[in-house]
Amino acid sequence: MDSMLQDGDTIECPVCLSPPTQTIITCCAHIFCKSCILKSLKCLNPRCPICRNPLSKSDLFSAPVHSSNDDNPTLSSARAMSSKVSALLKLLVSSREESPSTKSVIFSQFRKMLILLEEPLRAAGFGVLRLDGSMTTKKRSEVIKEFGNCGPGSPTVLLASLKAAGAGINLTAASRVYLLEPWWNPGVEDQAMDRVHRIGQTKEVKVVRLIMRNSIEERILE
């Protein structure tokens, strides 16, 4: 399925009702201005203004900032990227509520995006591993083996580079696949998804593409 996200410019801080400045995302996947959410935390028993979950400064992280570097996602602004990260967190939290042992693989073309995602995922209580092209063959094998462990307390989220995890890798321990950006060559995406949906898979596999509406990502799909 394709999950269409609204353009980042439509995002408003729910406290001041203005576009967020110094965008902050909470571990419960809500977006605020930094100054607004910090003010909210000054009360005796601070909670998220939206969902009322207990909240502390350690549950906040700064949204990734857009860069012109080629090794960054092609999103129009930091607010747009915040929208995508927030949507991903909501999907993962929902999946965990349905089945705490469900394992997910998150694919991205960009190593820096994978690194930026680690902090909010860990803050939300997920056990996280990363698999990318900077790792040695030995390290990749260790990560794949650890992710395949389905015992209590085992990692439930694997952040994977499309290219590094695209061929010859078995990720059938997972049953959820999230694609953070569309790839120009659909065959690359198909290879990545086949790492999860292959012989030996005993669970129903769900694949979600996170696409920014009215962006180049939407045009790529066309």
Protein backbone atom coordinates (compact mmCIF):
# COMPACT_ATOMS: atom_id res chain seq x y z
CA MET A 1 0.00 0.00 0.00
CA ASP A 2 1.07 3.62 -0.57
CA SER A 3 0.73 6.02 2.36
CA MET A 4 0.30 9.55 0.97
CA LEU A 5 1.49 12.30 3.31
CA GLN A 6 0.42 15.90 3.04
CA ASP A 7 3.00 18.43 1.92
CA GLY A 8 5.18 19.54 4.83
CA ASP A 9 4.09 23.21 4.53
CA THR A 10 0.62 22.30 5.87
CA ILE A 11 1.95 21.11 9.23
CA GLU A 12 0.97 23.22 12.23
CA CYS A 13 2.17 23.10 15.81
CA PRO A 14 -0.97 22.09 17.78
CA VAL A 15 -0.02 24.47 20.59
CA CYS A 16 0.49 27.77 18.71
CA LEU A 17 -1.32 26.72 15.49
CA SER A 18 1.56 28.02 13.36
CA PRO A 19 4.12 26.20 11.19
CA PRO A 20 6.68 24.72 13.62
CA THR A 21 9.92 26.57 14.24
CA GLN A 22 12.85 24.41 15.36
CA THR A 23 10.66 21.38 14.73
CA ILE A 24 10.51 18.75 17.48
CA ILE A 25 9.04 15.25 17.16
CA THR A 26 8.01 13.35 20.29
CA CYS A 27 8.44 9.63 20.84
CA CYS A 28 4.64 9.39 20.49
CA ALA A 29 5.02 10.78 16.94
CA HIS A 30 3.63 14.29 17.39
CA ILE A 31 5.17 17.48 16.01
CA PHE A 32 5.63 20.77 17.90
CA CYS A 33 7.66 23.95 17.95
CA LYS A 34 10.61 23.49 20.28
CA SER A 35 9.60 26.46 22.45
CA CYS A 36 5.96 25.30 22.68
CA ILE A 37 6.69 21.74 23.77
CA LEU A 38 9.37 22.84 26.26
CA LYS A 39 6.84 25.15 27.90
CA SER A 40 4.40 22.24 28.13
CA LEU A 41 7.02 20.17 29.96
CA LYS A 42 7.36 22.69 32.78
CA CYS A 43 4.24 21.47 34.61
CA LEU A 44 4.44 19.00 37.51
CA ASN A 45 3.45 15.89 35.54
CA PRO A 46 4.23 16.75 31.91
CA ARG A 47 2.25 14.99 29.20
CA CYS A 48 1.98 15.19 25.43
CA PRO A 49 -0.58 17.92 24.61
CA ILE A 50 -2.12 15.64 21.97
CA CYS A 51 -2.29 12.09 23.34
CA ARG A 52 -1.63 12.84 27.05
CA ASN A 53 1.11 10.24 27.31
CA PRO A 54 3.78 11.04 29.94
CA LEU A 55 6.59 13.04 28.33
CA SER A 56 10.06 14.25 29.29
CA LYS A 57 12.92 16.00 27.50
CA SER A 58 14.50 12.63 26.75
CA ASP A 59 11.40 11.79 24.68
CA LEU A 60 12.00 14.70 22.27
CA PHE A 61 14.25 14.90 19.25
CA SER A 62 14.98 17.54 16.65
CA ALA A 63 13.58 16.88 13.20
CA PRO A 64 16.18 16.15 10.51
CA VAL A 65 17.17 19.32 8.68
CA HIS A 66 17.13 19.33 4.88
CA SER A 67 20.54 19.56 3.27
CA SER A 68 21.72 20.00 -0.31
CA ASN A 69 24.07 17.06 0.13
CA ASP A 70 23.28 14.27 -2.34
CA ASP A 71 23.23 11.75 0.51
CA ASN A 72 20.05 13.24 1.97
CA PRO A 73 16.40 12.56 1.17
CA THR A 74 14.86 14.78 -1.50
CA LEU A 75 12.16 16.42 0.63
CA SER A 76 11.11 20.04 0.30
CA SER A 77 11.79 21.09 3.88
CA ALA A 78 12.53 20.00 7.44
CA ARG A 79 8.80 20.11 8.14
CA ALA A 80 8.10 17.74 5.26
CA MET A 81 10.69 15.30 6.59
CA SER A 82 9.16 15.64 10.05
CA SER A 83 5.81 14.60 8.60
CA LYS A 84 7.29 11.45 7.12
CA VAL A 85 9.15 10.47 10.30
CA SER A 86 6.04 11.11 12.39
CA ALA A 87 3.90 8.98 10.06
CA LEU A 88 6.43 6.15 10.21
CA LEU A 89 6.49 6.23 14.01
CA LYS A 90 2.70 6.08 14.16
CA LEU A 91 2.64 3.05 11.85
CA LEU A 92 5.30 1.25 13.90
CA VAL A 93 3.62 2.01 17.22
CA SER A 94 0.28 0.80 15.84
CA SER A 95 1.89 -2.42 14.60
CA ARG A 96 3.53 -2.97 18.00
CA GLU A 97 0.20 -2.50 19.77
CA GLU A 98 -1.33 -5.20 17.56
CA SER A 99 1.59 -7.58 18.06
CA PRO A 100 4.63 -6.61 20.18
CA SER A 101 6.84 -9.25 18.53
CA THR A 102 6.24 -8.02 14.96
CA LYS A 103 9.50 -7.22 13.18
CA SER A 104 9.81 -4.45 10.61
CA VAL A 105 12.37 -3.53 7.96
CA ILE A 106 12.66 0.14 7.00
CA PHE A 107 14.36 0.71 3.66
CA SER A 108 15.92 4.00 2.55
CA GLN A 109 18.27 5.03 -0.23
CA PHE A 110 20.08 7.35 2.16
CA ARG A 111 22.44 6.22 4.91
CA LYS A 112 22.11 9.54 6.74
CA MET A 113 18.35 9.12 6.91
CA LEU A 114 18.80 5.70 8.51
CA ILE A 115 21.17 7.17 11.08
CA LEU A 116 18.78 10.04 11.87
CA LEU A 117 15.93 7.60 12.45
CA GLU A 118 17.75 5.62 15.14
CA GLU A 119 17.26 8.20 17.90
CA PRO A 120 13.45 8.62 17.66
CA LEU A 121 12.91 4.88 17.24
CA ARG A 122 14.96 4.06 20.34
CA ALA A 123 13.18 6.86 22.24
CA ALA A 124 9.88 5.19 21.32
CA GLY A 125 11.11 1.94 22.86
CA PHE A 126 12.06 -0.03 19.75
CA GLY A 127 15.07 -2.33 19.58
CA VAL A 128 16.89 -1.08 16.47
CA LEU A 129 19.59 -2.45 14.18
CA ARG A 130 21.10 -0.82 11.09
CA LEU A 131 22.37 -2.42 7.88
CA ASP A 132 24.14 -0.25 5.31
CA GLY A 133 26.94 -0.23 2.76
CA SER A 134 29.52 1.18 5.16
CA MET A 135 29.62 -2.10 7.11
CA THR A 136 31.98 -4.99 6.53
CA THR A 137 30.60 -8.29 5.27
CA LYS A 138 31.21 -9.78 8.71
CA LYS A 139 29.32 -6.98 10.47
CA ARG A 140 26.38 -7.28 8.07
CA SER A 141 26.16 -11.01 8.76
CA GLU A 142 26.14 -10.35 12.50
CA VAL A 143 23.34 -7.78 12.15
CA ILE A 144 21.22 -10.12 9.99
CA LYS A 145 21.73 -12.99 12.44
CA GLU A 146 20.76 -10.80 15.41
CA PHE A 147 17.65 -9.52 13.63
CA GLY A 148 16.64 -13.09 12.83
CA ASN A 149 16.59 -13.94 16.54
CA CYS A 150 12.93 -14.00 17.60
CA GLY A 151 13.53 -14.49 21.32
CA PRO A 152 12.27 -12.14 24.06
CA GLY A 153 13.90 -8.71 23.90
CA SER A 154 15.26 -9.22 20.39
CA PRO A 155 15.43 -6.19 18.03
CA THR A 156 12.18 -5.52 16.19
CA VAL A 157 13.27 -2.85 13.69
CA LEU A 158 15.96 -3.06 11.02
CA LEU A 159 17.02 0.14 9.24
CA ALA A 160 18.39 -1.02 5.91
CA SER A 161 19.97 0.56 2.87
CA LEU A 162 18.14 -0.46 -0.32
CA LYS A 163 21.40 -1.43 -2.00
CA ALA A 164 23.03 -3.15 0.99
CA ALA A 165 19.98 -5.33 1.64
CA GLY A 166 18.89 -5.80 -1.94
CA ALA A 167 20.29 -9.20 -2.86
CA GLY A 168 21.15 -12.53 -1.26
CA ILE A 169 19.87 -11.60 2.20
CA ASN A 170 17.15 -13.40 4.15
CA LEU A 171 14.97 -11.12 6.29
CA THR A 172 11.98 -13.43 6.70
CA ALA A 173 11.94 -12.76 10.45
CA ALA A 174 10.12 -9.54 9.50
CA SER A 175 6.55 -9.21 8.28
CA ARG A 176 6.40 -5.43 7.80
CA VAL A 177 8.29 -3.46 5.15
CA TYR A 178 8.42 0.35 4.98
CA LEU A 179 9.90 2.14 1.95
CA LEU A 180 10.83 5.72 2.88
CA GLU A 181 11.35 6.92 -0.71
CA PRO A 182 10.48 5.61 -4.17
CA TRP A 183 13.36 4.35 -6.29
CA TRP A 184 13.71 5.29 -9.96
CA ASN A 185 14.22 1.62 -10.82
CA PRO A 186 11.28 -0.43 -9.45
CA GLY A 187 13.41 -3.57 -9.72
CA VAL A 188 15.59 -2.35 -6.84
CA GLU A 189 12.52 -2.00 -4.62
CA ASP A 190 11.28 -5.43 -5.68
CA GLN A 191 14.62 -7.01 -4.73
CA ALA A 192 14.50 -5.36 -1.32
CA MET A 193 10.93 -6.50 -0.64
CA ASP A 194 11.84 -10.02 -1.76
CA ARG A 195 14.30 -10.23 1.17
CA VAL A 196 11.22 -10.40 3.42
CA HIS A 197 8.65 -11.99 1.12
CA ARG A 198 10.49 -15.14 0.07
CA ILE A 199 10.59 -18.91 0.61
CA GLY A 200 10.55 -19.58 4.35
CA GLN A 201 8.21 -16.69 5.16
CA THR A 202 5.31 -18.00 7.26
CA LYS A 203 3.59 -14.70 8.07
CA GLU A 204 1.49 -12.31 6.01
CA VAL A 205 3.76 -9.53 4.72
CA LYS A 206 2.59 -5.92 4.60
CA VAL A 207 4.50 -3.37 2.50
CA VAL A 208 3.99 0.39 2.94
CA ARG A 209 5.48 3.17 0.79
CA LEU A 210 5.66 6.58 2.48
CA ILE A 211 5.12 9.17 -0.24
CA MET A 212 4.96 12.96 0.10
CA ARG A 213 1.90 14.31 -1.70
CA ASN A 214 2.52 16.93 -4.44
CA SER A 215 6.22 16.12 -4.57
CA ILE A 216 8.70 14.53 -6.97
CA GLU A 217 8.15 11.29 -5.05
CA GLU A 218 4.53 11.18 -6.20
CA ARG A 219 5.60 11.83 -9.80
CA ILE A 220 8.11 8.97 -9.67
CA LEU A 221 5.28 6.57 -8.84
CA GLU A 222 3.37 7.74 -11.90
